[in-house]
């Protein structure tokens, strides 16, 4: 998740060959993509659970 967010910044701040090298490194580590999705999924599930817990607690206090 992080490298894709940083790509526009890297394109502006680093020379083009460095940018191409970073892309090739990301592609060479494509075996780790399932792990990234698992980490992101756990993070989203945790955030969503915390969000629903807060909304349920506020609904109980409103009632």
N, C-alpha and C. Protein backbone atom coordinates (compact mmCIF):
# COMPACT_ATOMS: atom_id res chain seq x y z
N UNK A 1 0.83 -1.20 0.00
CA UNK A 1 0.00 0.00 0.00
C UNK A 1 0.87 1.25 0.00
N UNK A 2 1.87 1.23 0.84
CA UNK A 2 2.71 2.42 0.99
C UNK A 2 3.45 2.79 -0.30
N UNK A 3 4.12 1.83 -0.99
CA UNK A 3 4.87 2.24 -2.20
C UNK A 3 3.97 2.90 -3.24
N UNK A 4 2.74 2.38 -3.43
CA UNK A 4 1.87 2.96 -4.45
C UNK A 4 1.48 4.38 -4.08
N UNK A 5 1.36 4.68 -2.79
CA UNK A 5 1.03 6.05 -2.38
C UNK A 5 2.22 6.98 -2.62
N UNK A 6 3.44 6.45 -2.54
CA UNK A 6 4.63 7.28 -2.63
C UNK A 6 5.09 7.49 -4.07
N UNK A 7 4.57 6.71 -5.03
CA UNK A 7 5.09 6.78 -6.40
C UNK A 7 5.03 8.20 -6.98
N UNK A 8 3.93 8.94 -6.87
CA UNK A 8 3.94 10.30 -7.44
C UNK A 8 5.01 11.18 -6.80
N UNK A 9 5.21 11.07 -5.49
CA UNK A 9 6.24 11.86 -4.82
C UNK A 9 7.62 11.47 -5.32
N UNK A 10 7.85 10.15 -5.47
CA UNK A 10 9.16 9.69 -5.93
C UNK A 10 9.42 10.18 -7.36
N UNK A 11 8.37 10.21 -8.17
CA UNK A 11 8.55 10.63 -9.56
C UNK A 11 8.99 12.09 -9.61
N UNK A 12 8.50 12.91 -8.68
CA UNK A 12 8.87 14.33 -8.69
C UNK A 12 10.23 14.58 -8.05
N UNK A 13 10.62 13.75 -7.04
CA UNK A 13 11.80 14.08 -6.25
C UNK A 13 13.04 13.31 -6.70
N UNK A 14 12.88 12.12 -7.28
CA UNK A 14 14.03 11.30 -7.64
C UNK A 14 14.26 11.32 -9.14
N UNK A 15 15.51 11.09 -9.57
CA UNK A 15 15.78 10.96 -11.01
C UNK A 15 15.06 9.75 -11.60
N UNK A 16 14.80 9.81 -12.90
CA UNK A 16 14.00 8.77 -13.55
C UNK A 16 14.57 7.36 -13.39
N UNK A 17 15.89 7.11 -13.54
CA UNK A 17 16.41 5.74 -13.38
C UNK A 17 16.11 5.18 -11.99
N UNK A 18 16.19 6.01 -10.96
CA UNK A 18 15.87 5.55 -9.61
C UNK A 18 14.41 5.15 -9.52
N UNK A 19 13.55 5.92 -10.17
CA UNK A 19 12.11 5.62 -10.19
C UNK A 19 11.87 4.27 -10.86
N UNK A 20 12.54 4.00 -11.98
CA UNK A 20 12.39 2.73 -12.68
C UNK A 20 12.90 1.58 -11.81
N UNK A 21 14.01 1.80 -11.09
CA UNK A 21 14.55 0.77 -10.21
C UNK A 21 13.56 0.43 -9.10
N UNK A 22 12.91 1.44 -8.54
CA UNK A 22 11.94 1.20 -7.47
C UNK A 22 10.77 0.38 -8.01
N UNK A 23 10.31 0.70 -9.23
CA UNK A 23 9.21 -0.07 -9.84
C UNK A 23 9.63 -1.53 -10.02
N UNK A 24 10.86 -1.75 -10.49
CA UNK A 24 11.31 -3.13 -10.71
C UNK A 24 11.43 -3.87 -9.39
N UNK A 25 11.83 -3.18 -8.32
CA UNK A 25 11.92 -3.82 -7.00
C UNK A 25 10.52 -4.23 -6.54
N UNK A 26 9.54 -3.34 -6.72
CA UNK A 26 8.17 -3.67 -6.31
C UNK A 26 7.66 -4.88 -7.10
N UNK A 27 7.94 -4.91 -8.41
CA UNK A 27 7.48 -6.03 -9.25
C UNK A 27 8.19 -7.32 -8.84
N UNK A 28 9.48 -7.23 -8.49
CA UNK A 28 10.22 -8.43 -8.12
C UNK A 28 9.73 -8.99 -6.79
N UNK A 29 9.11 -8.15 -5.97
CA UNK A 29 8.60 -8.62 -4.67
C UNK A 29 7.11 -8.92 -4.74
N UNK A 30 6.62 -9.27 -5.93
CA UNK A 30 5.17 -9.49 -6.09
C UNK A 30 4.71 -10.71 -5.31
N UNK A 31 5.65 -11.59 -4.91
CA UNK A 31 5.28 -12.74 -4.10
C UNK A 31 4.73 -12.30 -2.75
N UNK A 32 5.10 -11.10 -2.30
CA UNK A 32 4.66 -10.63 -1.00
C UNK A 32 3.30 -9.93 -1.06
N UNK A 33 2.73 -9.78 -2.26
CA UNK A 33 1.45 -9.08 -2.37
C UNK A 33 0.34 -9.72 -1.54
N UNK A 34 0.19 -11.05 -1.51
CA UNK A 34 -0.86 -11.62 -0.64
C UNK A 34 -0.70 -11.20 0.81
N UNK A 35 0.54 -11.13 1.28
CA UNK A 35 0.76 -10.69 2.67
C UNK A 35 0.30 -9.25 2.85
N UNK A 36 0.57 -8.40 1.86
CA UNK A 36 0.10 -7.01 1.95
C UNK A 36 -1.42 -6.97 2.03
N UNK A 37 -2.10 -7.78 1.21
CA UNK A 37 -3.56 -7.78 1.23
C UNK A 37 -4.08 -8.27 2.57
N UNK A 38 -3.41 -9.28 3.15
CA UNK A 38 -3.84 -9.78 4.47
C UNK A 38 -3.69 -8.70 5.52
N UNK A 39 -2.54 -8.00 5.50
CA UNK A 39 -2.31 -6.94 6.48
C UNK A 39 -3.34 -5.82 6.31
N UNK A 40 -3.59 -5.43 5.06
CA UNK A 40 -4.57 -4.37 4.80
C UNK A 40 -5.96 -4.83 5.24
N UNK A 41 -6.31 -6.09 4.94
CA UNK A 41 -7.62 -6.60 5.33
C UNK A 41 -7.79 -6.62 6.83
N UNK A 42 -6.75 -7.03 7.56
CA UNK A 42 -6.84 -7.04 9.02
C UNK A 42 -7.00 -5.61 9.53
N UNK A 43 -6.26 -4.69 8.93
CA UNK A 43 -6.37 -3.29 9.35
C UNK A 43 -7.76 -2.73 9.10
N UNK A 44 -8.32 -3.03 7.93
CA UNK A 44 -9.67 -2.53 7.62
C UNK A 44 -10.71 -3.17 8.53
N UNK A 45 -10.57 -4.48 8.78
CA UNK A 45 -11.53 -5.15 9.66
C UNK A 45 -11.44 -4.58 11.07
N UNK A 46 -10.24 -4.32 11.55
CA UNK A 46 -10.07 -3.76 12.90
C UNK A 46 -10.67 -2.36 12.95
N UNK A 47 -10.40 -1.55 11.92
CA UNK A 47 -10.94 -0.18 11.88
C UNK A 47 -12.46 -0.21 11.82
N UNK A 48 -12.99 -1.10 10.97
CA UNK A 48 -14.45 -1.18 10.82
C UNK A 48 -15.09 -1.66 12.12
N UNK A 49 -14.44 -2.62 12.79
CA UNK A 49 -14.98 -3.12 14.06
C UNK A 49 -14.98 -1.99 15.09
N UNK A 50 -13.89 -1.25 15.18
CA UNK A 50 -13.83 -0.14 16.12
C UNK A 50 -14.88 0.91 15.80
N UNK A 51 -15.10 1.15 14.51
CA UNK A 51 -16.09 2.15 14.10
C UNK A 51 -17.49 1.70 14.49
N UNK A 52 -17.82 0.42 14.25
CA UNK A 52 -19.16 -0.06 14.58
C UNK A 52 -19.34 -0.10 16.09
N UNK A 53 -18.28 -0.44 16.83
CA UNK A 53 -18.41 -0.45 18.29
C UNK A 53 -18.72 0.95 18.80
N UNK A 54 -18.08 1.96 18.23
CA UNK A 54 -18.34 3.33 18.66
C UNK A 54 -19.77 3.73 18.32
N UNK A 55 -20.24 3.37 17.12
CA UNK A 55 -21.59 3.76 16.72
C UNK A 55 -22.62 3.04 17.60
N UNK A 56 -22.37 1.77 17.94
CA UNK A 56 -23.30 1.06 18.81
C UNK A 56 -23.33 1.68 20.19
N UNK A 57 -22.17 2.07 20.72
CA UNK A 57 -22.14 2.66 22.05
C UNK A 57 -22.87 4.00 22.06
N UNK A 58 -22.75 4.79 20.98
CA UNK A 58 -23.45 6.07 20.94
C UNK A 58 -24.95 5.84 20.80
N UNK A 59 -25.35 4.80 20.05
CA UNK A 59 -26.78 4.51 19.93
C UNK A 59 -27.36 4.11 21.28
N UNK A 60 -26.61 3.35 22.05
CA UNK A 60 -27.10 2.94 23.37
C UNK A 60 -27.24 4.15 24.29
N UNK A 61 -26.30 5.08 24.23
CA UNK A 61 -26.39 6.26 25.09
C UNK A 61 -27.54 7.15 24.64
N UNK A 62 -27.82 7.21 23.33
CA UNK A 62 -28.93 8.03 22.85
C UNK A 62 -30.26 7.47 23.34
N UNK A 63 -30.36 6.14 23.36
CA UNK A 63 -31.61 5.54 23.84
C UNK A 63 -31.72 5.70 25.35
